[in-house]
N, C-alpha and C. Protein backbone atom coordinates (compact mmCIF):
# COMPACT_ATOMS: atom_id res chain seq x y z
N MET A 1 -8.01 -79.02 -28.66
CA MET A 1 -7.22 -78.38 -28.23
C MET A 1 -7.42 -77.29 -29.00
N ASN A 2 -7.19 -75.62 -27.98
CA ASN A 2 -7.68 -74.79 -28.92
C ASN A 2 -6.90 -73.40 -28.69
N ILE A 3 -5.95 -72.94 -29.06
CA ILE A 3 -4.57 -71.71 -28.93
C ILE A 3 -5.29 -71.19 -29.93
N CYS A 4 -5.33 -70.01 -28.90
CA CYS A 4 -5.67 -68.14 -29.68
C CYS A 4 -4.16 -67.58 -28.70
N GLY A 5 -3.53 -66.54 -30.28
CA GLY A 5 -2.64 -65.70 -30.01
C GLY A 5 -3.13 -64.33 -30.20
N CYS A 6 -3.12 -63.17 -29.52
CA CYS A 6 -3.99 -61.95 -29.24
C CYS A 6 -2.50 -61.20 -28.88
N LEU A 7 -3.20 -59.16 -29.51
CA LEU A 7 -2.17 -58.80 -28.70
C LEU A 7 -3.26 -57.83 -28.69
N ILE A 8 -3.45 -56.91 -27.42
CA ILE A 8 -4.02 -56.08 -26.31
C ILE A 8 -3.59 -54.96 -26.26
N HIS A 9 -4.23 -54.32 -26.63
CA HIS A 9 -4.20 -52.33 -26.48
C HIS A 9 -5.07 -52.25 -25.12
N ILE A 10 -4.55 -51.60 -23.63
CA ILE A 10 -4.57 -51.72 -22.40
C ILE A 10 -4.41 -49.92 -22.61
N SER A 11 -5.17 -49.39 -22.32
CA SER A 11 -4.75 -47.78 -21.58
C SER A 11 -3.62 -47.65 -20.19
N GLN A 12 -2.86 -47.44 -20.67
CA GLN A 12 -1.86 -47.11 -20.18
C GLN A 12 -1.77 -46.63 -17.91
N ASP A 13 -3.44 -45.99 -18.03
CA ASP A 13 -3.78 -45.40 -16.49
C ASP A 13 -4.14 -47.07 -16.13
N LYS A 14 -4.61 -48.35 -16.71
CA LYS A 14 -5.37 -49.21 -16.21
C LYS A 14 -4.02 -50.44 -16.34
N LEU A 15 -3.21 -50.00 -17.22
CA LEU A 15 -2.11 -51.64 -17.20
C LEU A 15 -2.70 -52.49 -16.46
N TYR A 16 -2.18 -51.50 -15.06
CA TYR A 16 -1.21 -52.78 -14.38
C TYR A 16 -2.70 -53.83 -13.61
N ALA A 17 -3.95 -52.55 -13.34
CA ALA A 17 -5.21 -53.26 -12.63
C ALA A 17 -4.96 -55.02 -14.05
N ALA A 18 -5.78 -54.48 -15.04
CA ALA A 18 -5.57 -55.31 -16.64
C ALA A 18 -5.50 -56.67 -17.03
N ARG A 19 -3.64 -56.21 -16.32
CA ARG A 19 -3.02 -56.93 -16.39
C ARG A 19 -3.20 -57.89 -15.52
N ALA A 20 -3.10 -57.79 -14.70
CA ALA A 20 -2.97 -58.21 -13.18
C ALA A 20 -4.17 -59.81 -13.46
N GLN A 21 -5.40 -58.74 -13.53
CA GLN A 21 -7.25 -59.52 -13.73
C GLN A 21 -6.50 -60.65 -14.92
N MET A 22 -5.44 -60.77 -15.94
CA MET A 22 -5.78 -61.46 -17.52
C MET A 22 -5.06 -62.31 -16.72
N GLU A 23 -3.33 -61.99 -15.36
CA GLU A 23 -2.96 -63.02 -15.38
C GLU A 23 -3.67 -63.92 -13.98
N VAL A 24 -4.91 -64.06 -13.55
CA VAL A 24 -5.24 -64.63 -13.05
C VAL A 24 -6.31 -65.59 -13.31
N THR A 25 -6.66 -65.00 -14.64
CA THR A 25 -7.77 -65.42 -15.89
C THR A 25 -7.32 -66.83 -15.41
N ASP A 26 -8.14 -68.11 -15.47
CA ASP A 26 -7.73 -69.68 -16.24
C ASP A 26 -7.50 -69.23 -17.43
N GLY A 27 -6.61 -69.91 -18.16
CA GLY A 27 -6.78 -70.23 -19.55
C GLY A 27 -6.00 -68.93 -20.46
N VAL A 28 -5.80 -68.06 -19.82
CA VAL A 28 -4.40 -66.68 -20.17
C VAL A 28 -3.12 -66.82 -19.61
N GLU A 29 -2.21 -66.59 -20.56
CA GLU A 29 -0.99 -66.41 -20.35
C GLU A 29 -0.14 -65.06 -20.92
N VAL A 30 -0.24 -64.09 -20.38
CA VAL A 30 1.02 -62.94 -20.76
C VAL A 30 1.77 -63.73 -21.57
N HIS A 31 2.56 -63.28 -22.20
CA HIS A 31 3.61 -63.46 -22.78
C HIS A 31 4.42 -62.36 -22.86
N ALA A 32 4.53 -61.33 -23.02
CA ALA A 32 5.39 -60.00 -23.43
C ALA A 32 4.22 -58.58 -23.91
N ALA A 33 4.96 -57.99 -22.67
CA ALA A 33 4.13 -56.52 -22.52
C ALA A 33 5.59 -55.50 -22.29
N THR A 34 5.02 -54.51 -22.73
CA THR A 34 4.68 -53.28 -23.43
C THR A 34 5.22 -52.50 -21.76
N ASP A 35 5.31 -50.80 -21.83
CA ASP A 35 5.10 -49.71 -21.12
C ASP A 35 4.14 -49.15 -21.18
N GLN A 36 3.74 -49.51 -23.08
CA GLN A 36 2.79 -48.28 -23.82
C GLN A 36 1.20 -49.03 -23.46
N GLY A 37 1.76 -50.36 -23.07
CA GLY A 37 -0.25 -50.87 -22.92
C GLY A 37 -0.01 -51.95 -23.98
N ARG A 38 0.99 -52.31 -24.40
CA ARG A 38 0.56 -53.61 -25.80
C ARG A 38 0.59 -55.22 -25.28
N LEU A 39 0.18 -55.93 -25.19
CA LEU A 39 0.37 -56.79 -24.52
C LEU A 39 -0.03 -58.05 -25.57
N VAL A 40 0.88 -59.32 -25.58
CA VAL A 40 0.92 -60.43 -26.01
C VAL A 40 0.79 -61.18 -24.95
N VAL A 41 -0.72 -62.05 -25.62
CA VAL A 41 -1.46 -63.27 -24.41
C VAL A 41 -1.77 -64.35 -24.96
N VAL A 42 -1.40 -65.50 -25.24
CA VAL A 42 -1.98 -66.39 -25.46
C VAL A 42 -3.31 -67.03 -24.32
N VAL A 43 -4.36 -67.55 -24.73
CA VAL A 43 -5.98 -67.39 -24.02
C VAL A 43 -6.35 -69.45 -25.28
N GLU A 44 -6.92 -70.32 -23.92
CA GLU A 44 -6.75 -71.64 -24.19
C GLU A 44 -7.27 -71.66 -23.93
N ASP A 45 -8.18 -73.02 -24.68
CA ASP A 45 -9.65 -73.72 -24.08
C ASP A 45 -9.59 -73.93 -22.32
N THR A 46 -10.25 -74.15 -21.62
CA THR A 46 -10.27 -74.93 -19.99
C THR A 46 -11.16 -75.58 -20.21
N PRO A 47 -11.59 -76.56 -19.11
CA PRO A 47 -12.12 -77.27 -18.80
C PRO A 47 -13.27 -77.03 -18.94
N ASP A 48 -13.53 -75.37 -18.32
CA ASP A 48 -15.41 -75.17 -18.04
C ASP A 48 -15.23 -73.81 -19.30
N LYS A 49 -14.26 -73.07 -19.71
CA LYS A 49 -14.70 -72.48 -20.89
C LYS A 49 -14.24 -72.55 -21.85
N ARG A 50 -14.51 -71.95 -23.31
CA ARG A 50 -13.69 -71.91 -24.28
C ARG A 50 -13.10 -70.70 -24.75
N ALA A 51 -11.85 -70.72 -25.44
CA ALA A 51 -11.16 -69.53 -25.63
C ALA A 51 -11.66 -68.61 -25.96
N SER A 52 -13.09 -68.73 -27.00
CA SER A 52 -13.31 -67.74 -27.12
C SER A 52 -14.50 -66.84 -27.12
N ASP A 53 -14.87 -67.61 -25.68
CA ASP A 53 -15.38 -67.05 -24.61
C ASP A 53 -14.77 -66.23 -23.58
N ILE A 54 -13.62 -66.75 -23.21
CA ILE A 54 -12.85 -65.96 -23.01
C ILE A 54 -11.83 -64.73 -23.17
N ILE A 55 -11.68 -64.71 -24.46
CA ILE A 55 -11.55 -63.46 -25.21
C ILE A 55 -12.34 -62.63 -25.33
N MET A 56 -13.88 -63.01 -24.88
CA MET A 56 -15.13 -61.63 -24.80
C MET A 56 -14.52 -61.43 -23.32
N ASP A 57 -14.94 -62.45 -23.05
CA ASP A 57 -14.33 -61.98 -20.89
C ASP A 57 -13.27 -60.51 -21.59
N LEU A 58 -12.25 -60.32 -22.15
CA LEU A 58 -11.31 -59.99 -21.93
C LEU A 58 -10.98 -58.12 -22.33
N HIS A 59 -12.16 -58.50 -23.07
CA HIS A 59 -12.73 -57.41 -23.93
C HIS A 59 -13.48 -56.45 -22.56
N GLN A 60 -13.71 -57.13 -21.89
CA GLN A 60 -14.43 -56.32 -20.87
C GLN A 60 -13.56 -55.93 -19.48
N ILE A 61 -13.23 -56.33 -19.90
CA ILE A 61 -11.96 -55.67 -18.69
C ILE A 61 -11.59 -54.05 -18.31
N PRO A 62 -12.06 -53.19 -17.92
CA PRO A 62 -11.42 -51.98 -17.42
C PRO A 62 -10.41 -51.24 -18.59
N GLY A 63 -10.17 -50.67 -19.17
CA GLY A 63 -9.12 -50.00 -19.76
C GLY A 63 -8.42 -50.71 -21.11
N VAL A 64 -9.24 -51.67 -21.44
CA VAL A 64 -9.05 -52.77 -22.19
C VAL A 64 -9.00 -51.33 -24.06
N ILE A 65 -8.48 -51.77 -24.83
CA ILE A 65 -9.31 -50.27 -25.99
C ILE A 65 -9.31 -51.10 -26.93
N SER A 66 -8.64 -52.33 -27.19
CA SER A 66 -8.45 -53.19 -28.74
C SER A 66 -7.92 -54.17 -28.39
N LEU A 67 -8.81 -55.65 -28.58
CA LEU A 67 -8.11 -56.75 -28.81
C LEU A 67 -7.88 -57.59 -30.29
N SER A 68 -7.02 -58.14 -31.05
CA SER A 68 -6.74 -58.28 -32.36
C SER A 68 -6.91 -60.40 -31.88
N LEU A 69 -7.11 -61.25 -32.60
CA LEU A 69 -6.88 -61.70 -32.76
C LEU A 69 -5.49 -62.16 -33.85
N ASN A 70 -4.55 -62.82 -33.48
CA ASN A 70 -3.56 -62.56 -34.61
C ASN A 70 -2.82 -64.44 -35.11
N TYR A 71 -3.22 -65.42 -34.18
CA TYR A 71 -3.08 -67.00 -33.89
C TYR A 71 -4.32 -67.47 -33.82
N HIS A 72 -4.33 -68.25 -34.57
CA HIS A 72 -5.51 -69.81 -33.92
C HIS A 72 -4.65 -70.87 -34.15
N HIS A 73 -4.89 -71.14 -33.29
CA HIS A 73 -4.75 -73.17 -34.19
C HIS A 73 -5.64 -74.25 -33.39
N PHE A 74 -6.69 -75.12 -33.89
CA PHE A 74 -7.29 -75.99 -33.43
C PHE A 74 -7.17 -77.22 -33.83
N GLU A 75 -6.80 -78.08 -33.02
CA GLU A 75 -6.67 -79.16 -33.27
C GLU A 75 -7.30 -80.42 -32.00
N ASP A 76 -8.72 -81.22 -32.92
CA ASP A 76 -9.31 -82.22 -32.08
C ASP A 76 -8.01 -83.54 -31.60
N LEU A 77 -7.97 -83.23 -30.00
CA LEU A 77 -7.24 -84.21 -29.82
C LEU A 77 -7.87 -85.69 -29.71
N ALA A 78 -8.81 -85.68 -29.94
CA ALA A 78 -9.96 -86.76 -29.94
C ALA A 78 -9.62 -87.50 -31.82
N VAL A 79 -9.02 -86.99 -32.60
CA VAL A 79 -9.04 -87.71 -34.06
C VAL A 79 -8.21 -87.64 -34.41
N PRO A 80 -7.11 -89.11 -34.50
CA PRO A 80 -5.54 -89.70 -34.85
C PRO A 80 -5.13 -88.62 -35.91
N SER A 81 -4.29 -88.02 -35.42
CA SER A 81 -3.25 -86.94 -36.48
C SER A 81 -2.67 -88.35 -37.72
N ALA A 82 -2.45 -87.48 -38.97
CA ALA A 82 -1.91 -88.60 -40.19
C ALA A 82 -0.70 -89.03 -39.73
N ARG A 83 0.29 -88.69 -38.83
CA ARG A 83 1.45 -89.24 -37.76
C ARG A 83 0.49 -90.34 -37.38
N GLU A 84 -0.27 -90.46 -37.07
CA GLU A 84 -0.20 -91.45 -35.95
C GLU A 84 -1.52 -92.76 -36.32
N LEU A 85 -1.40 -92.27 -37.61
CA LEU A 85 -2.35 -92.99 -39.15
C LEU A 85 -0.96 -93.85 -39.66
N VAL A 86 -0.18 -93.02 -39.85
CA VAL A 86 0.89 -93.89 -40.79
C VAL A 86 1.52 -94.45 -38.99
N ALA A 87 2.22 -94.36 -38.39
CA ALA A 87 2.74 -95.17 -37.50
C ALA A 87 1.37 -96.31 -37.27
N GLN A 88 0.07 -96.46 -37.48
CA GLN A 88 -0.35 -97.88 -36.69
C GLN A 88 0.07 -99.07 -37.58
N PRO A 89 -0.02 -99.88 -37.07
CA PRO A 89 0.87 -100.93 -37.96
C PRO A 89 -0.14 -101.78 -38.59
N GLU A 90 -0.28 -102.25 -39.55
CA GLU A 90 -1.01 -102.87 -40.69
C GLU A 90 -1.54 -103.81 -40.00
N ILE A 91 -3.00 -104.61 -39.74
CA ILE A 91 -3.36 -106.34 -39.43
C ILE A 91 -3.22 -106.39 -40.23
């Protein structure tokens, strides 16, 4: 599981088109936006693409001025967590 929280600044004249393009992109969810072109976006891995590649694609949307990664969480779901290991019965 790979989750990235991003702040994106979009020029006001392209805001609606850029946001619409982001909202139909797999792995992207717009959580908040201002009328001045600032968006709070979460990007996650999809079965076909890594979050880092999706972020690079977002940079290419017309009107995107800047994109900054403000939060990142990675967890390998195939590896048991410490909590799961402690909860396992002894053999």
